[in-house]
Protein backbone atom coordinates (compact mmCIF):
# COMPACT_ATOMS: atom_id res chain seq x y z
CA UNK A 1 -94.65 -4.50 31.39
CA UNK A 2 -98.32 -6.09 31.81
CA UNK A 3 -99.74 -9.28 30.61
CA UNK A 4 -101.57 -7.68 28.10
CA UNK A 5 -98.85 -5.74 26.27
CA UNK A 6 -97.52 -8.82 24.73
CA UNK A 7 -100.45 -9.38 22.58
CA UNK A 8 -104.03 -9.07 24.06
CA UNK A 9 -105.65 -5.53 24.47
CA UNK A 10 -108.09 -5.93 27.10
CA UNK A 11 -110.81 -3.63 25.31
CA UNK A 12 -110.56 -5.70 22.12
CA UNK A 13 -110.89 -8.71 24.62
CA UNK A 14 -114.16 -7.28 25.86
CA UNK A 15 -115.34 -6.48 22.46
CA UNK A 16 -114.80 -9.69 21.40
CA UNK A 17 -116.40 -11.22 24.36
CA UNK A 18 -119.53 -9.06 23.85
CA UNK A 19 -119.17 -10.03 20.05
CA UNK A 20 -119.47 -13.73 21.00
CA UNK A 21 -122.28 -13.42 23.33
CA UNK A 22 -124.09 -11.64 20.67
CA UNK A 23 -123.48 -14.36 18.11
CA UNK A 24 -124.28 -16.98 20.69
CA UNK A 25 -127.85 -15.25 21.37
CA UNK A 26 -128.16 -14.81 17.84
CA UNK A 27 -127.62 -18.47 17.32
CA UNK A 28 -130.46 -19.42 19.69
CA UNK A 29 -132.66 -17.02 17.88
CA UNK A 30 -131.90 -18.50 14.74
CA UNK A 31 -132.48 -22.08 15.96
CA UNK A 32 -135.94 -21.03 16.94
CA UNK A 33 -136.86 -19.96 13.23
CA UNK A 34 -138.46 -22.02 11.17
CA UNK A 35 -137.07 -25.34 9.77
CA UNK A 36 -136.00 -23.96 6.26
CA UNK A 37 -133.86 -21.34 8.21
CA UNK A 38 -132.56 -23.79 10.56
CA UNK A 39 -129.60 -25.29 8.28
CA UNK A 40 -128.28 -22.08 7.47
CA UNK A 41 -128.56 -20.81 11.13
CA UNK A 42 -127.03 -24.04 12.41
CA UNK A 43 -124.05 -23.53 9.89
CA UNK A 44 -123.59 -19.99 10.64
CA UNK A 45 -123.64 -20.87 14.37
CA UNK A 46 -121.04 -23.73 13.99
CA UNK A 47 -119.04 -21.34 12.02
CA UNK A 48 -118.96 -18.75 14.66
CA UNK A 49 -118.62 -21.52 17.43
CA UNK A 50 -115.10 -22.36 15.48
CA UNK A 51 -114.27 -18.72 15.10
CA UNK A 52 -114.79 -18.40 18.78
CA UNK A 53 -112.72 -21.53 19.53
CA UNK A 54 -109.99 -20.24 17.43
CA UNK A 55 -110.15 -16.79 19.25
CA UNK A 56 -109.58 -18.61 22.68
CA UNK A 57 -106.58 -20.68 21.53
CA UNK A 58 -105.07 -17.74 20.28
CA UNK A 59 -105.72 -15.89 23.59
CA UNK A 60 -104.43 -19.36 25.16
CA UNK A 61 -101.20 -19.04 22.64
CA UNK A 62 -100.98 -15.32 23.45
CA UNK A 63 -101.14 -16.39 27.64
CA UNK A 64 -98.48 -19.00 26.85
CA UNK A 65 -96.55 -16.50 24.90
CA UNK A 66 -96.71 -13.63 28.15
CA UNK A 67 -95.78 -16.65 30.39
CA UNK A 68 -92.80 -17.66 28.54
CA UNK A 69 -91.79 -13.85 28.10
CA UNK A 70 -92.36 -13.75 32.00
CA UNK A 71 -89.99 -16.76 32.58
CA UNK A 72 -87.43 -15.38 30.22
CA UNK A 73 -87.83 -12.05 32.32
CA UNK A 74 -86.92 -14.13 35.40
CA UNK A 75 -84.00 -15.82 33.72
CA UNK A 76 -83.20 -12.11 32.71
CA UNK A 77 -83.45 -11.03 36.08
CA UNK A 78 -81.35 -13.57 37.83
CA UNK A 79 -78.61 -13.31 35.12
CA UNK A 80 -78.29 -9.62 36.06
CA UNK A 81 -77.89 -9.76 39.80
CA UNK A 82 -74.40 -8.47 39.16
CA UNK A 83 -75.48 -5.14 37.76
CA UNK A 84 -75.62 -3.29 41.47
CA UNK A 85 -76.39 0.09 40.27
CA UNK A 86 -79.43 -0.89 37.63
CA UNK A 87 -80.77 -4.08 39.83
CA UNK A 88 -83.07 -2.21 42.06
CA UNK A 89 -85.05 -0.34 39.37
CA UNK A 90 -85.19 -3.40 37.28
CA UNK A 91 -86.21 -5.18 40.18
CA UNK A 92 -88.95 -2.58 40.86
CA UNK A 93 -90.08 -2.68 37.58
CA UNK A 94 -90.40 -6.40 37.52
CA UNK A 95 -92.40 -5.93 40.67
CA UNK A 96 -94.87 -3.93 38.89
CA UNK A 97 -94.72 -6.17 36.08
CA UNK A 98 -95.53 -9.26 37.74
CA UNK A 99 -98.36 -7.15 39.88
CA UNK A 100 -99.75 -6.38 36.57
CA UNK A 101 -99.40 -9.80 35.15
CA UNK A 102 -100.96 -11.21 38.48
CA UNK A 103 -103.61 -8.69 37.94
CA UNK A 104 -104.14 -9.56 34.22
CA UNK A 105 -104.32 -13.14 35.15
CA UNK A 106 -106.79 -12.50 37.42
CA UNK A 107 -108.89 -10.66 35.19
CA UNK A 108 -108.62 -13.15 32.60
CA UNK A 109 -109.75 -15.87 35.08
CA UNK A 110 -112.66 -13.96 35.91
CA UNK A 111 -113.22 -13.00 32.26
CA UNK A 112 -112.68 -16.78 31.19
CA UNK A 113 -115.49 -17.73 34.27
CA UNK A 114 -117.49 -15.10 32.86
CA UNK A 115 -117.63 -16.56 29.39
CA UNK A 116 -117.83 -20.17 30.93
CA UNK A 117 -121.30 -19.08 32.55
CA UNK A 118 -122.28 -17.12 29.45
CA UNK A 119 -121.40 -20.18 27.60
CA UNK A 120 -123.33 -22.53 29.76
CA UNK A 121 -126.30 -19.89 29.49
CA UNK A 122 -125.65 -20.78 25.81
CA UNK A 123 -125.57 -24.46 26.32
CA UNK A 124 -128.79 -24.36 28.41
CA UNK A 125 -130.23 -22.02 25.94
CA UNK A 126 -129.08 -24.45 23.12
CA UNK A 127 -130.36 -27.38 25.21
CA UNK A 128 -133.79 -25.64 25.21
CA UNK A 129 -133.38 -24.83 21.75
CA UNK A 130 -132.69 -28.62 21.34
CA UNK A 131 -135.80 -29.54 22.66
CA UNK A 132 -137.47 -27.29 20.14
CA UNK A 133 -135.58 -28.22 17.32
CA UNK A 134 -136.38 -32.32 18.54
CA UNK A 135 -140.06 -31.20 18.32
CA UNK A 136 -139.40 -29.30 14.88
CA UNK A 137 -137.86 -32.46 13.65
CA UNK A 138 -140.52 -34.52 14.76
CA UNK A 139 -142.84 -32.16 12.90
CA UNK A 140 -140.50 -31.86 10.18
CA UNK A 141 -138.99 -35.11 9.34
CA UNK A 142 -137.95 -34.42 5.78
CA UNK A 143 -135.09 -32.21 6.96
CA UNK A 144 -132.90 -35.39 8.75
CA UNK A 145 -129.74 -33.91 7.17
CA UNK A 146 -130.42 -30.42 9.04
CA UNK A 147 -130.79 -31.95 12.24
CA UNK A 148 -127.78 -34.15 11.93
CA UNK A 149 -125.94 -30.94 11.30
CA UNK A 150 -127.42 -29.13 14.53
CA UNK A 151 -126.19 -32.51 16.31
CA UNK A 152 -122.96 -31.85 15.23
CA UNK A 153 -123.27 -27.99 15.85
CA UNK A 154 -124.08 -29.00 19.63
CA UNK A 155 -121.33 -31.79 19.78
CA UNK A 156 -118.86 -28.62 18.62
CA UNK A 157 -120.37 -26.56 21.27
CA UNK A 158 -119.53 -29.12 23.83
CA UNK A 159 -116.10 -29.43 22.60
CA UNK A 160 -115.68 -25.85 22.87
CA UNK A 161 -117.01 -25.63 26.23
CA UNK A 162 -114.70 -28.68 27.34
CA UNK A 163 -111.59 -26.72 25.52
CA UNK A 164 -112.48 -23.38 27.79
CA UNK A 165 -112.73 -25.08 30.97
CA UNK A 166 -109.12 -26.87 30.09
CA UNK A 167 -107.85 -23.06 29.47
CA UNK A 168 -109.39 -22.03 32.57
CA UNK A 169 -107.53 -25.05 34.28
CA UNK A 170 -104.31 -24.13 32.38
CA UNK A 171 -104.81 -20.43 33.25
CA UNK A 172 -105.39 -21.25 36.97
CA UNK A 173 -102.09 -23.40 36.86
CA UNK A 174 -100.14 -20.79 35.21
CA UNK A 175 -101.63 -18.08 38.06
CA UNK A 176 -100.31 -20.54 40.67
CA UNK A 177 -97.14 -20.46 39.20
CA UNK A 178 -97.09 -16.69 38.50
CA UNK A 179 -97.73 -16.58 42.50
CA UNK A 180 -94.94 -18.77 43.21
CA UNK A 181 -92.90 -16.72 41.08
CA UNK A 182 -93.99 -13.61 42.89
CA UNK A 183 -93.04 -15.09 46.42
CA UNK A 184 -89.86 -16.20 45.31
CA UNK A 185 -89.18 -12.64 43.95
CA UNK A 186 -90.60 -10.74 46.54
CA UNK A 187 -91.07 -13.15 49.52
CA UNK A 188 -94.04 -13.74 51.46
CA UNK A 189 -95.13 -13.82 54.97
CA UNK A 190 -95.68 -17.24 56.34
CA UNK A 191 -98.48 -17.57 59.75
CA UNK A 192 -97.32 -20.04 62.02
CA UNK A 193 -99.56 -21.99 64.31
CA UNK A 194 -98.72 -19.83 67.54
CA UNK A 195 -100.08 -16.91 65.11
CA UNK A 196 -96.90 -15.36 64.77
CA UNK A 197 -95.88 -14.09 61.20
CA UNK A 198 -92.60 -15.06 59.43
CA UNK A 199 -91.09 -13.32 56.72
CA UNK A 200 -89.47 -15.42 53.82
CA UNK A 201 -87.00 -13.46 52.05
CA UNK A 202 -87.46 -13.39 48.38
CA UNK A 203 -84.56 -12.92 45.37
CA UNK A 204 -85.56 -9.01 45.91
CA UNK A 205 -84.64 -9.00 49.69
CA UNK A 206 -81.47 -10.84 48.99
CA UNK A 207 -80.71 -8.58 46.20
CA UNK A 208 -81.35 -5.50 48.50
CA UNK A 209 -79.21 -7.17 51.33
CA UNK A 210 -76.44 -7.86 48.81
CA UNK A 211 -76.77 -4.31 47.62
CA UNK A 212 -76.52 -2.96 51.33
CA UNK A 213 -73.46 -5.05 52.01
CA UNK A 214 -71.76 -4.14 48.81
CA UNK A 215 -72.60 -0.61 49.49
CA UNK A 216 -71.03 -0.44 52.95
CA UNK A 217 -68.05 -2.43 51.97
CA UNK A 218 -67.74 0.12 49.15
CA UNK A 219 -67.99 3.16 51.59
CA UNK A 220 -65.42 1.67 53.96
CA UNK A 221 -62.87 0.76 50.59
CA UNK A 222 -63.68 4.41 49.57
CA UNK A 223 -62.62 5.76 53.01
CA UNK A 224 -59.41 3.29 53.14
CA UNK A 225 -58.76 4.60 49.22
CA UNK A 226 -59.17 8.07 50.22
CA UNK A 227 -56.85 7.78 53.37
CA UNK A 228 -54.11 6.00 50.97
CA UNK A 229 -54.44 8.47 48.30
CA UNK A 230 -53.95 11.17 50.78
CA UNK A 231 -50.94 9.72 52.61
CA UNK A 232 -49.52 9.10 48.93
CA UNK A 233 -49.89 12.65 48.29
CA UNK A 234 -48.41 13.93 51.34
CA UNK A 235 -45.39 11.84 50.93
CA UNK A 236 -45.48 12.69 47.22
CA UNK A 237 -45.55 16.59 47.97
CA UNK A 238 -42.44 15.94 50.47
CA UNK A 239 -40.61 14.12 48.36
CA UNK A 240 -41.46 16.67 45.29
CA UNK A 241 -40.24 19.00 47.62
CA UNK A 242 -36.87 17.71 48.60
CA UNK A 243 -36.06 16.89 45.22
CA UNK A 244 -36.86 20.45 44.10
CA UNK A 245 -34.63 21.49 46.91
CA UNK A 246 -31.90 19.30 45.72
CA UNK A 247 -32.39 20.65 42.24
CA UNK A 248 -32.13 24.39 43.08
CA UNK A 249 -29.37 24.02 44.76
CA UNK A 250 -27.67 21.68 41.96
CA UNK A 251 -28.81 24.24 39.54
CA UNK A 252 -27.31 26.91 41.92
CA UNK A 253 -23.97 25.17 42.00
CA UNK A 254 -24.14 24.39 38.39
CA UNK A 255 -24.61 28.08 37.64
CA UNK A 256 -21.58 29.11 39.86
CA UNK A 257 -19.53 26.75 38.43
CA UNK A 258 -20.65 27.63 34.92
CA UNK A 259 -20.00 31.08 35.32
CA UNK A 260 -16.35 30.28 36.64
CA UNK A 261 -15.73 28.71 33.81
CA UNK A 262 -16.72 30.87 31.55
CA UNK A 263 -15.20 33.77 32.99
CA UNK A 264 -11.71 31.44 32.96
CA UNK A 265 -12.40 30.59 29.47
CA UNK A 266 -13.19 34.15 28.34
CA UNK A 267 -10.10 35.17 30.36
CA UNK A 268 -8.11 32.87 28.38
CA UNK A 269 -8.95 34.62 25.00
CA UNK A 270 -6.88 37.45 23.66
CA UNK A 271 -9.75 39.81 23.41
CA UNK A 272 -10.69 39.05 27.02
CA UNK A 273 -7.03 39.50 28.02
CA UNK A 274 -6.81 42.97 26.28
CA UNK A 275 -10.48 43.71 28.02
CA UNK A 276 -9.11 42.48 31.31
CA UNK A 277 -6.26 44.65 31.06
CA UNK A 278 -8.06 47.61 29.89
CA UNK A 279 -10.18 47.25 32.86
CA UNK A 280 -7.23 46.91 35.58
CA UNK A 281 -5.87 49.93 33.65
CA UNK A 282 -9.31 51.62 34.18
CA UNK A 283 -9.15 50.77 37.98
CA UNK A 284 -5.78 52.12 38.45
CA UNK A 285 -6.93 55.55 36.47
CA UNK A 286 -9.78 55.75 39.00
CA UNK A 287 -7.39 55.25 41.99
CA UNK A 288 -4.89 57.76 40.57
CA UNK A 289 -8.02 60.23 39.95
CA UNK A 290 -8.99 59.98 43.73
CA UNK A 291 -5.29 60.24 44.49
CA UNK A 292 -5.40 63.29 42.35
CA UNK A 293 -8.11 64.59 44.14
CA UNK A 294 -6.45 64.25 47.38
CA UNK A 295 -3.20 65.83 46.27
CA UNK A 296 -4.87 68.74 44.72
CA UNK A 297 -6.98 69.50 48.05
CA UNK A 298 -3.63 69.38 49.85
CA UNK A 299 -1.84 71.44 47.49
CA UNK A 300 -4.46 74.17 47.90
CA UNK A 301 -4.33 73.43 51.71
CA UNK A 302 -0.51 74.27 51.35
CA UNK A 303 -0.92 77.53 49.50
CA UNK A 304 -3.43 78.70 51.94
CA UNK A 305 -1.16 78.01 54.68
CA UNK A 306 1.85 79.83 52.86
CA UNK A 307 -0.29 82.58 52.32
CA UNK A 308 -1.44 82.75 55.78
CA UNK A 309 2.24 82.52 57.10
CA UNK A 310 3.29 85.33 54.56
CA UNK A 311 0.54 87.20 56.27
CA UNK A 312 1.96 87.16 59.53
CA UNK A 313 4.54 90.00 59.38
CA UNK A 314 2.14 92.07 57.39
CA UNK A 315 -0.52 91.40 60.18
CA UNK A 316 2.01 92.26 62.90
CA UNK A 317 3.17 95.23 61.29
CA UNK A 318 -0.42 96.63 61.06
CA UNK A 319 -1.00 95.75 64.33
CA UNK A 320 1.88 97.41 65.81
CA UNK A 321 1.02 100.58 63.57
CA UNK A 322 -2.68 100.60 64.10
CA UNK A 323 -3.11 99.63 67.70
CA UNK A 324 0.32 100.06 69.31
CA UNK A 325 1.05 103.30 67.60
CA UNK A 326 4.92 102.36 67.10
CA UNK A 327 6.94 104.19 64.63
CA UNK A 328 7.06 103.28 60.90
CA UNK A 329 11.05 103.29 61.21
CA UNK A 330 10.82 100.86 64.09
CA UNK A 331 8.25 98.62 62.48
CA UNK A 332 10.17 98.38 59.31
CA UNK A 333 13.70 97.94 61.11
CA UNK A 334 11.78 95.09 63.15
CA UNK A 335 10.27 93.45 59.96
CA UNK A 336 13.46 91.47 59.12
CA UNK A 337 13.85 89.95 62.38
CA UNK A 338 9.83 88.97 62.33
CA UNK A 339 10.36 87.41 59.12
CA UNK A 340 13.29 85.14 60.14
CA UNK A 341 11.51 84.25 63.03
CA UNK A 342 8.70 82.80 61.16
CA UNK A 343 10.77 80.88 58.63
CA UNK A 344 10.39 77.62 60.79
CA UNK A 345 6.68 77.98 60.13
CA UNK A 346 7.04 78.66 56.63
CA UNK A 347 9.59 75.99 55.67
CA UNK A 348 7.45 72.89 56.73
CA UNK A 349 4.58 74.69 54.55
CA UNK A 350 6.92 75.05 51.87
CA UNK A 351 7.72 71.37 52.34
CA UNK A 352 4.26 70.23 52.27
CA UNK A 353 3.13 72.39 49.30
CA UNK A 354 6.48 71.19 47.28
CA UNK A 355 5.50 67.53 47.92
CA UNK A 356 1.83 67.92 47.22
CA UNK A 357 3.01 69.29 43.92
CA UNK A 358 5.30 66.77 42.93
CA UNK A 359 2.83 64.38 43.54
CA UNK A 360 0.11 66.29 41.96
CA UNK A 361 2.24 66.04 38.90
CA UNK A 362 3.10 62.44 39.19
CA UNK A 363 -0.67 61.53 39.58
CA UNK A 364 -1.55 63.29 36.34
CA UNK A 365 1.25 61.57 34.41
CA UNK A 366 -0.12 58.32 35.82
CA UNK A 367 -3.59 58.95 34.81
CA UNK A 368 -2.46 59.95 31.20
CA UNK A 369 -0.36 56.68 30.94
CA UNK A 370 -3.15 54.33 32.44
CA UNK A 371 -5.69 56.21 29.90
CA UNK A 372 -3.31 55.17 27.00
CA UNK A 373 -2.92 51.68 27.85
CA UNK A 374 -6.67 51.43 28.47
CA UNK A 375 -7.37 52.75 25.30
CA UNK A 376 -5.09 50.64 23.49
CA UNK A 377 -6.51 47.38 25.17
CA UNK A 378 -10.02 48.35 24.03
CA UNK A 379 -8.99 48.88 20.38
CA UNK A 380 -7.12 45.86 20.41
CA UNK A 381 -10.48 43.61 20.12
CA UNK A 382 -11.60 46.04 17.25
CA UNK A 383 -8.39 46.07 15.39
CA UNK A 384 -8.39 42.20 15.62
CA UNK A 385 -11.79 42.06 14.21
CA UNK A 386 -10.65 44.16 11.26
CA UNK A 387 -7.58 41.80 10.77
CA UNK A 388 -9.90 38.94 10.56
CA UNK A 389 -12.27 40.46 8.30
CA UNK A 390 -9.10 40.43 5.80
CA UNK A 391 -8.83 37.49 3.20
CA UNK A 392 -6.99 34.55 4.79
CA UNK A 393 -4.55 34.25 1.71
CA UNK A 394 -3.34 37.94 2.27
CA UNK A 395 0.18 38.26 3.70
CA UNK A 396 -0.61 41.55 4.95
CA UNK A 397 -3.24 39.96 7.57
CA UNK A 398 -0.49 37.83 9.15
CA UNK A 399 1.91 40.76 9.34
CA UNK A 400 -0.60 43.04 10.80
CA UNK A 401 -1.59 40.45 13.37
CA UNK A 402 2.20 39.96 14.52
CA UNK A 403 2.72 43.69 14.63
CA UNK A 404 -0.67 44.38 16.42
CA UNK A 405 0.34 41.57 19.16
CA UNK A 406 3.87 42.74 19.50
CA UNK A 407 2.67 46.23 19.98
CA UNK A 408 0.30 45.07 22.56
CA UNK A 409 2.90 43.20 24.19
CA UNK A 410 5.31 46.10 23.92
CA UNK A 411 2.62 48.43 25.53
CA UNK A 412 1.62 45.95 28.12
CA UNK A 413 5.28 45.50 29.19
CA UNK A 414 5.91 49.12 30.03
CA UNK A 415 5.46 49.51 33.55
CA UNK A 416 4.03 52.85 34.47
CA UNK A 417 5.84 52.69 37.88
CA UNK A 418 9.13 53.46 36.42
CA UNK A 419 7.64 56.95 36.43
CA UNK A 420 7.87 57.07 40.18
CA UNK A 421 11.65 57.74 40.39
CA UNK A 422 13.85 58.85 43.85
CA UNK A 423 11.11 57.14 45.88
CA UNK A 424 14.03 56.68 48.54
CA UNK A 425 14.50 60.34 48.95
CA UNK A 426 12.74 63.20 50.79
CA UNK A 427 10.83 65.58 48.94
CA UNK A 428 12.43 68.55 50.85
CA UNK A 429 12.97 71.43 48.54
CA UNK A 430 16.35 72.71 50.33
CA UNK A 431 17.45 69.01 50.01
CA UNK A 432 16.65 69.21 46.52
CA UNK A 433 18.23 72.42 45.85
CA UNK A 434 21.70 71.04 47.63
CA UNK A 435 21.51 67.94 45.76
CA UNK A 436 21.09 69.86 42.41
CA UNK A 437 23.97 72.25 43.43
CA UNK A 438 25.75 69.22 44.47
CA UNK A 439 25.04 67.58 40.69
CA UNK A 440 26.06 70.92 38.94
CA UNK A 441 29.66 70.63 40.58
CA UNK A 442 30.12 67.20 39.80
CA UNK A 443 29.06 67.84 36.01
CA UNK A 444 31.36 70.77 35.97
CA UNK A 445 34.26 68.66 37.46
CA UNK A 446 33.47 65.81 34.88
CA UNK A 447 33.55 68.35 32.20
CA UNK A 448 36.70 69.74 33.27
CA UNK A 449 38.29 66.26 33.03
CA UNK A 450 37.40 65.94 29.51
CA UNK A 451 39.86 67.06 26.77
CA UNK A 452 38.56 70.11 25.15
CA UNK A 453 36.02 71.04 27.62
CA UNK A 454 38.59 72.05 30.65
CA UNK A 455 38.24 75.74 28.97
CA UNK A 456 34.47 76.02 29.31
CA UNK A 457 34.52 74.40 32.45
CA UNK A 458 36.97 77.05 33.68
CA UNK A 459 34.83 79.59 32.22
CA UNK A 460 31.55 78.39 33.47
CA UNK A 461 33.31 78.38 37.13
CA UNK A 462 34.51 81.67 36.53
CA UNK A 463 31.15 83.01 35.52
CA UNK A 464 29.58 81.10 38.52
CA UNK A 465 31.99 82.98 40.88
CA UNK A 466 31.50 86.16 39.41
CA UNK A 467 27.72 85.85 39.61
CA UNK A 468 28.03 84.79 43.56
CA UNK A 469 30.53 87.50 44.22
CA UNK A 470 27.94 90.07 42.75
CA UNK A 471 25.37 88.83 44.75
CA UNK A 472 27.74 88.52 47.86
CA UNK A 473 28.31 92.23 47.04
CA UNK A 474 24.49 93.04 46.84
CA UNK A 475 24.02 91.45 50.01
CA UNK A 476 26.66 93.21 51.90
CA UNK A 477 25.78 96.86 50.64
CA UNK A 478 22.19 96.14 51.66
CA UNK A 479 23.56 95.12 55.12
CA UNK A 480 25.80 98.47 55.18
CA UNK A 481 22.78 100.38 54.13
CA UNK A 482 20.75 98.77 56.96
CA UNK A 483 23.38 99.71 59.75
CA UNK A 484 23.67 103.23 58.27
CA UNK A 485 19.92 103.77 58.62
CA UNK A 486 19.78 102.05 61.82
CA UNK A 487 22.68 104.26 63.50
CA UNK A 488 20.24 107.60 63.51
CA UNK A 489 17.68 105.74 64.94
CA UNK A 490 19.89 104.30 67.48
CA UNK A 491 21.15 107.97 68.36
CA UNK A 492 17.79 109.26 68.64
CA UNK A 493 16.87 106.73 70.79
CA UNK A 494 19.98 107.53 72.97
CA UNK A 495 19.37 110.99 73.24
CA UNK A 496 15.59 110.48 74.05
CA UNK A 497 16.70 108.15 76.80
CA UNK A 498 19.33 110.54 78.01
CA UNK A 499 16.50 113.06 77.91
CA UNK A 500 14.60 111.46 80.15
CA UNK A 501 17.03 110.55 82.69
């Protein structure tokens, strides 16, 4: 902000100065006019001089306002030293303003000097005109009033000249104040006696030093703050990771504990109990299905072995007839002996097939039993829900619930293991036949002891004896027929041997 920005425009000042010069010149010309026009010209010149004086005073007031504004700017600059970010720019702006003010003051001083010189010339012209006026007064003594007015006009011009000189003095003083302010703000260079130049820092230099110091301290503080923040972040991340691991472990343990407690609670419920029994029965059924598959395979293997053992006599006979060329009668005669010889091979296979068959049937029975119990366990929950859907006041509801629970307990209490009987006895078929015969004999004896059943027992015994005797006769007749068949063969063989001899 310059000096003239506060009130006086340089162009207007120059314009006004030219107008004042023109008016003074017009005043000088009018003084030289005839005496009749001197009074009017003197009055007009006095009016113009008073206007010029008023203008000069107004200019002085504007200069004082500008100086007061400059002082206020100085105070504002001093109060705003704490604003680090904006003070540099404001100082530069203030420097520009001070330079502008200095230039404006210099221009004002030169303008005032020029105006003073022009006023001196005007005064000189006025003095010359005064001589002319005195001559005119001597010639024209009838207008003493006009002369007095001219004197007053001259006195006013002298007063104006003094005022302008005082204004110039005041302006020079203000300029020195402005220079001092400029030095105090921007600093100055003082030349010592030895010719060296010493720099005196001003407010701007102090402000720059303070700004640099604060900037360096701020950078150091920012580095410390960044390091502290980084350390805090690392510690926070480590603590967060540790707490996260602890929380995940706690969550895992809590989930496992919740699952265990939930399973335990669910297992204590009636529906869960039924579901658990069903699952157990299903597992046992699956195990029995696997056992069934194994028993079926064993049974099929036993049947195959029995077929293979049974084919041994047939294979031997075919071998003797086809490859050896033996007689058919001899082959047939030796077949019973061959059959008797393979009985040690046949009976173990028969035993293996008999045992596999019994285990296969037992597995089928157990599978059906476990399936039945599993189905009952599954239907328990559905039946319980249907019973619960009945009205609470219904008597049938309690009865059905009690009966359902009773049936469930009864079915659950039945052990499928009762189907596995005679587990301490062998599965040999011969032993089973002997055991069954012994049981039959014991049963007949027991029946014979009962009154009224003795005759029936005797009849059954007689019938049994008849059957045994009939079977014995059949066996004896078969053996006799075999001997009769063997006699001609033996005789023919003996004859052939004798013939060979």
